[in-house]
């Protein structure tokens, strides 16, 4: 059991960096403990190999300063809503015991992203049930249900319920994304002989910049990331906005 404040879950290595890297880096700077879980190794990706992406994920983790990262080795391109996969997610929820989980949205361009959303929703509920048994290194895990589940934005736009100011960590986010050099265009490097993909074209990095600027404008800062909540969120008092 490792107590973590925030657990970020993605279908593929690079998902959380692209969608919530600025927020993650900011949490780390604030002294919070953050872990990342990738559900697949991205082995079906058009560019690069699973081994290369393992190394890229390690470099991205170092850039963000996160406290732990692991891969659940689900089947890339065909993440199933199986009992085995649900138990894998339950196990990491109980292992890290986060107060907050951030994950893919419900509707997305890539079916794996939608599949991980559904897995997280199911695992979130079952993780709190005492009669659902899971084990870590032979030790039975205790039930745990996070306080909040938030969805980050990927390809498809949604209207965020709240924004996080990432002005101070936008550059850290970009560097963590560029760590996945087999997947995205890295300025100053020669063109790859591999086929171009949606995220490998130079315009994709510009899209990340423009989106962050647009969201920042919504709240009067330079850069921001947008999120939506799975369940309603509330505050004890309006005084939280008077700080």
Protein backbone atom coordinates (compact mmCIF):
# COMPACT_ATOMS: atom_id res chain seq x y z
CA UNK A 1 0.00 0.00 0.00
CA UNK A 2 1.37 3.39 -1.05
CA UNK A 3 -0.60 6.50 -0.15
CA UNK A 4 -0.84 8.79 -3.16
CA UNK A 5 -2.83 12.03 -3.33
CA UNK A 6 -3.68 11.90 -7.04
CA UNK A 7 -3.68 8.95 -9.44
CA UNK A 8 -3.69 9.70 -13.18
CA UNK A 9 -4.82 6.85 -15.42
CA UNK A 10 -4.38 6.69 -19.19
CA UNK A 11 -4.92 4.13 -21.90
CA UNK A 12 -1.47 4.64 -23.44
CA UNK A 13 1.87 6.08 -22.38
CA UNK A 14 1.70 9.82 -23.26
CA UNK A 15 -2.08 10.19 -22.69
CA UNK A 16 -1.83 11.82 -19.27
CA UNK A 17 1.10 14.02 -20.28
CA UNK A 18 -0.79 15.45 -23.24
CA UNK A 19 -4.04 15.94 -21.34
CA UNK A 20 -3.05 16.75 -17.76
CA UNK A 21 0.72 17.14 -17.68
CA UNK A 22 0.58 20.74 -16.49
CA UNK A 23 -1.80 19.90 -13.66
CA UNK A 24 0.33 16.92 -12.61
CA UNK A 25 3.52 18.99 -12.58
CA UNK A 26 1.78 21.69 -10.54
CA UNK A 27 0.53 19.17 -7.98
CA UNK A 28 4.07 17.85 -7.58
CA UNK A 29 5.39 21.39 -7.07
CA UNK A 30 2.74 21.86 -4.38
CA UNK A 31 4.12 18.87 -2.50
CA UNK A 32 1.40 16.39 -3.48
CA UNK A 33 2.17 12.77 -4.25
CA UNK A 34 1.15 11.77 -7.77
CA UNK A 35 1.26 8.43 -9.55
CA UNK A 36 0.54 7.51 -13.17
CA UNK A 37 -0.90 4.24 -14.42
CA UNK A 38 -0.79 3.36 -18.13
CA UNK A 39 -3.20 0.60 -19.10
CA UNK A 40 -1.27 -0.54 -22.21
CA UNK A 41 2.28 -0.23 -23.53
CA UNK A 42 1.03 1.29 -26.79
CA UNK A 43 2.27 -1.70 -28.75
CA UNK A 44 -0.28 -1.22 -31.55
CA UNK A 45 0.80 2.35 -32.22
CA UNK A 46 1.77 3.21 -35.79
CA UNK A 47 5.11 4.65 -34.71
CA UNK A 48 7.75 3.33 -32.36
CA UNK A 49 7.76 0.15 -30.29
CA UNK A 50 6.49 -0.79 -26.86
CA UNK A 51 10.06 -0.94 -25.57
CA UNK A 52 10.78 2.56 -26.86
CA UNK A 53 7.63 3.87 -25.25
CA UNK A 54 8.61 2.27 -21.94
CA UNK A 55 11.77 4.38 -22.00
CA UNK A 56 9.89 7.49 -23.08
CA UNK A 57 7.40 7.05 -20.23
CA UNK A 58 10.29 6.83 -17.78
CA UNK A 59 11.81 10.05 -19.09
CA UNK A 60 8.44 11.82 -18.99
CA UNK A 61 7.95 10.67 -15.40
CA UNK A 62 11.30 12.17 -14.42
CA UNK A 63 10.39 15.47 -16.09
CA UNK A 64 7.06 15.66 -14.26
CA UNK A 65 8.60 14.53 -10.96
CA UNK A 66 5.89 11.98 -10.19
CA UNK A 67 6.32 9.48 -7.36
CA UNK A 68 5.35 6.23 -9.09
CA UNK A 69 4.35 4.84 -12.48
CA UNK A 70 3.29 1.42 -13.63
CA UNK A 71 1.77 -0.34 -16.62
CA UNK A 72 -1.17 -2.75 -16.42
CA UNK A 73 -0.26 -4.53 -19.68
CA UNK A 74 -3.76 -4.60 -21.13
CA UNK A 75 -4.16 -5.29 -24.86
CA UNK A 76 -3.56 -2.12 -26.83
CA UNK A 77 -6.25 -1.43 -29.40
CA UNK A 78 -8.72 -3.75 -27.71
CA UNK A 79 -9.10 -2.92 -24.03
CA UNK A 80 -11.86 -5.20 -22.83
CA UNK A 81 -14.37 -4.64 -20.04
CA UNK A 82 -13.29 -7.96 -18.58
CA UNK A 83 -13.25 -9.06 -14.96
CA UNK A 84 -9.47 -9.33 -15.20
CA UNK A 85 -9.05 -5.73 -16.35
CA UNK A 86 -11.52 -4.40 -13.80
CA UNK A 87 -9.59 -6.18 -11.06
CA UNK A 88 -6.33 -4.67 -12.32
CA UNK A 89 -7.73 -1.17 -11.92
CA UNK A 90 -9.26 -2.00 -8.53
CA UNK A 91 -5.89 -3.27 -7.41
CA UNK A 92 -4.07 -0.01 -8.25
CA UNK A 93 -6.82 2.05 -6.61
CA UNK A 94 -6.36 0.02 -3.44
CA UNK A 95 -2.58 0.02 -3.73
CA UNK A 96 -2.19 3.79 -4.10
CA UNK A 97 -5.36 4.83 -2.22
CA UNK A 98 -5.69 8.22 -3.95
CA UNK A 99 -8.14 10.91 -2.91
CA UNK A 100 -8.44 12.00 -6.56
CA UNK A 101 -8.39 10.02 -9.81
CA UNK A 102 -8.03 11.76 -13.16
CA UNK A 103 -8.89 9.74 -16.24
CA UNK A 104 -10.11 9.84 -19.87
CA UNK A 105 -13.52 11.27 -20.72
CA UNK A 106 -16.57 9.23 -21.62
CA UNK A 107 -16.66 10.11 -25.34
CA UNK A 108 -13.41 10.07 -27.26
CA UNK A 109 -11.80 9.59 -30.66
CA UNK A 110 -9.87 6.49 -29.61
CA UNK A 111 -11.96 3.49 -28.41
CA UNK A 112 -9.27 2.61 -25.86
CA UNK A 113 -9.79 5.96 -24.15
CA UNK A 114 -13.51 5.32 -23.83
CA UNK A 115 -12.81 1.79 -22.60
CA UNK A 116 -10.53 3.05 -19.83
CA UNK A 117 -13.19 5.53 -18.74
CA UNK A 118 -15.69 2.67 -18.34
CA UNK A 119 -13.13 0.49 -16.55
CA UNK A 120 -12.36 3.29 -14.10
CA UNK A 121 -16.05 3.91 -13.40
CA UNK A 122 -16.67 0.25 -12.63
CA UNK A 123 -13.47 -0.19 -10.63
CA UNK A 124 -14.16 2.97 -8.64
CA UNK A 125 -17.38 1.50 -7.32
CA UNK A 126 -16.20 -2.06 -6.81
CA UNK A 127 -13.00 -0.93 -5.12
CA UNK A 128 -15.07 0.22 -2.15
CA UNK A 129 -16.85 -3.13 -1.71
CA UNK A 130 -15.53 -5.36 1.05
CA UNK A 131 -16.64 -8.55 -0.71
CA UNK A 132 -14.56 -7.80 -3.81
CA UNK A 133 -11.20 -9.34 -2.98
CA UNK A 134 -7.90 -8.34 -4.56
CA UNK A 135 -4.31 -9.03 -3.59
CA UNK A 136 -0.98 -7.26 -4.01
CA UNK A 137 2.15 -9.41 -3.66
CA UNK A 138 0.08 -12.04 -1.87
CA UNK A 139 -1.42 -9.63 0.66
CA UNK A 140 -5.15 -8.98 0.65
CA UNK A 141 -5.95 -5.36 -0.12
CA UNK A 142 -8.33 -3.20 1.87
CA UNK A 143 -11.31 -1.52 0.17
CA UNK A 144 -10.81 2.05 -0.98
CA UNK A 145 -12.98 4.45 -2.93
CA UNK A 146 -11.47 7.80 -4.02
CA UNK A 147 -13.27 11.01 -3.08
CA UNK A 148 -13.29 12.44 -6.59
CA UNK A 149 -12.98 11.33 -10.20
CA UNK A 150 -12.19 13.97 -12.82
CA UNK A 151 -11.90 13.61 -16.59
CA UNK A 152 -9.22 15.38 -18.58
CA UNK A 153 -9.69 16.44 -22.20
CA UNK A 154 -8.18 14.52 -25.09
CA UNK A 155 -9.20 14.80 -28.78
CA UNK A 156 -12.90 15.67 -28.45
CA UNK A 157 -13.89 18.95 -26.88
CA UNK A 158 -16.26 19.14 -23.91
CA UNK A 159 -17.29 22.08 -21.76
CA UNK A 160 -15.04 21.89 -18.69
CA UNK A 161 -16.61 22.28 -15.28
CA UNK A 162 -13.41 23.77 -13.93
CA UNK A 163 -9.95 24.85 -15.08
CA UNK A 164 -6.52 24.51 -13.52
CA UNK A 165 -4.04 27.34 -14.00
CA UNK A 166 -0.90 25.73 -15.44
CA UNK A 167 0.90 28.92 -16.46
CA UNK A 168 3.93 28.04 -14.34
CA UNK A 169 4.08 24.42 -15.53
CA UNK A 170 3.07 24.65 -19.19
CA UNK A 171 6.69 24.29 -20.32
CA UNK A 172 7.16 21.25 -18.05
CA UNK A 173 4.09 19.70 -19.67
CA UNK A 174 5.44 20.34 -23.17
CA UNK A 175 8.80 18.82 -22.28
CA UNK A 176 7.07 15.72 -20.87
CA UNK A 177 5.12 15.33 -24.12
CA UNK A 178 8.27 15.79 -26.22
CA UNK A 179 9.84 12.95 -24.23
CA UNK A 180 7.66 10.69 -26.40
CA UNK A 181 9.84 11.44 -29.39
CA UNK A 182 8.65 8.42 -31.40
CA UNK A 183 5.09 9.69 -31.17
CA UNK A 184 5.19 13.48 -31.58
CA UNK A 185 7.07 15.98 -33.68
CA UNK A 186 10.14 17.24 -31.84
CA UNK A 187 11.30 20.62 -33.23
CA UNK A 188 14.83 20.58 -34.60
CA UNK A 189 14.90 16.88 -35.36
CA UNK A 190 14.96 15.25 -38.77
CA UNK A 191 11.75 13.85 -40.18
CA UNK A 192 10.98 10.24 -39.33
CA UNK A 193 10.56 7.62 -42.03
CA UNK A 194 7.56 6.24 -40.14
CA UNK A 195 4.01 7.09 -41.26
CA UNK A 196 2.53 10.37 -40.07
CA UNK A 197 -0.19 10.12 -37.43
CA UNK A 198 -2.68 12.50 -35.83
CA UNK A 199 -0.23 13.35 -33.03
CA UNK A 200 3.05 13.21 -34.98
CA UNK A 201 2.29 16.18 -37.23
CA UNK A 202 3.76 19.53 -36.12
CA UNK A 203 0.27 20.99 -35.87
CA UNK A 204 -0.59 18.73 -32.94
CA UNK A 205 1.87 20.44 -30.60
CA UNK A 206 0.42 23.75 -31.75
CA UNK A 207 -3.04 22.43 -30.85
CA UNK A 208 -1.90 21.70 -27.29
CA UNK A 209 -0.58 25.26 -27.06
CA UNK A 210 -3.72 26.86 -28.48
CA UNK A 211 -6.05 24.84 -26.26
CA UNK A 212 -4.09 25.75 -23.13
CA UNK A 213 -4.10 29.43 -24.15
CA UNK A 214 -7.85 29.36 -24.83
CA UNK A 215 -8.63 27.72 -21.50
CA UNK A 216 -6.30 30.14 -19.75
CA UNK A 217 -8.20 33.03 -21.26
CA UNK A 218 -11.41 31.70 -19.74
CA UNK A 219 -10.04 32.24 -16.23
CA UNK A 220 -7.75 35.21 -16.82
CA UNK A 221 -4.40 33.39 -16.89
CA UNK A 222 -2.00 32.47 -19.69
CA UNK A 223 -2.40 28.67 -19.72
CA UNK A 224 -4.92 26.24 -18.22
CA UNK A 225 -6.22 22.68 -18.49
CA UNK A 226 -9.92 21.82 -18.36
CA UNK A 227 -11.63 19.03 -16.45
CA UNK A 228 -15.10 17.69 -15.78
CA UNK A 229 -16.29 15.77 -12.73
CA UNK A 230 -17.88 12.32 -12.80
CA UNK A 231 -20.08 13.21 -9.85
CA UNK A 232 -21.21 16.62 -8.55
CA UNK A 233 -18.63 18.58 -6.60
CA UNK A 234 -19.31 21.12 -3.91
CA UNK A 235 -17.58 23.44 -1.49
CA UNK A 236 -18.19 24.02 2.21
CA UNK A 237 -18.43 27.76 1.71
CA UNK A 238 -18.02 30.46 -0.93
CA UNK A 239 -15.13 31.65 1.18
CA UNK A 240 -12.86 29.28 -0.75
CA UNK A 241 -13.00 31.87 -3.56
CA UNK A 242 -11.99 34.67 -1.19
CA UNK A 243 -8.54 33.24 -0.53
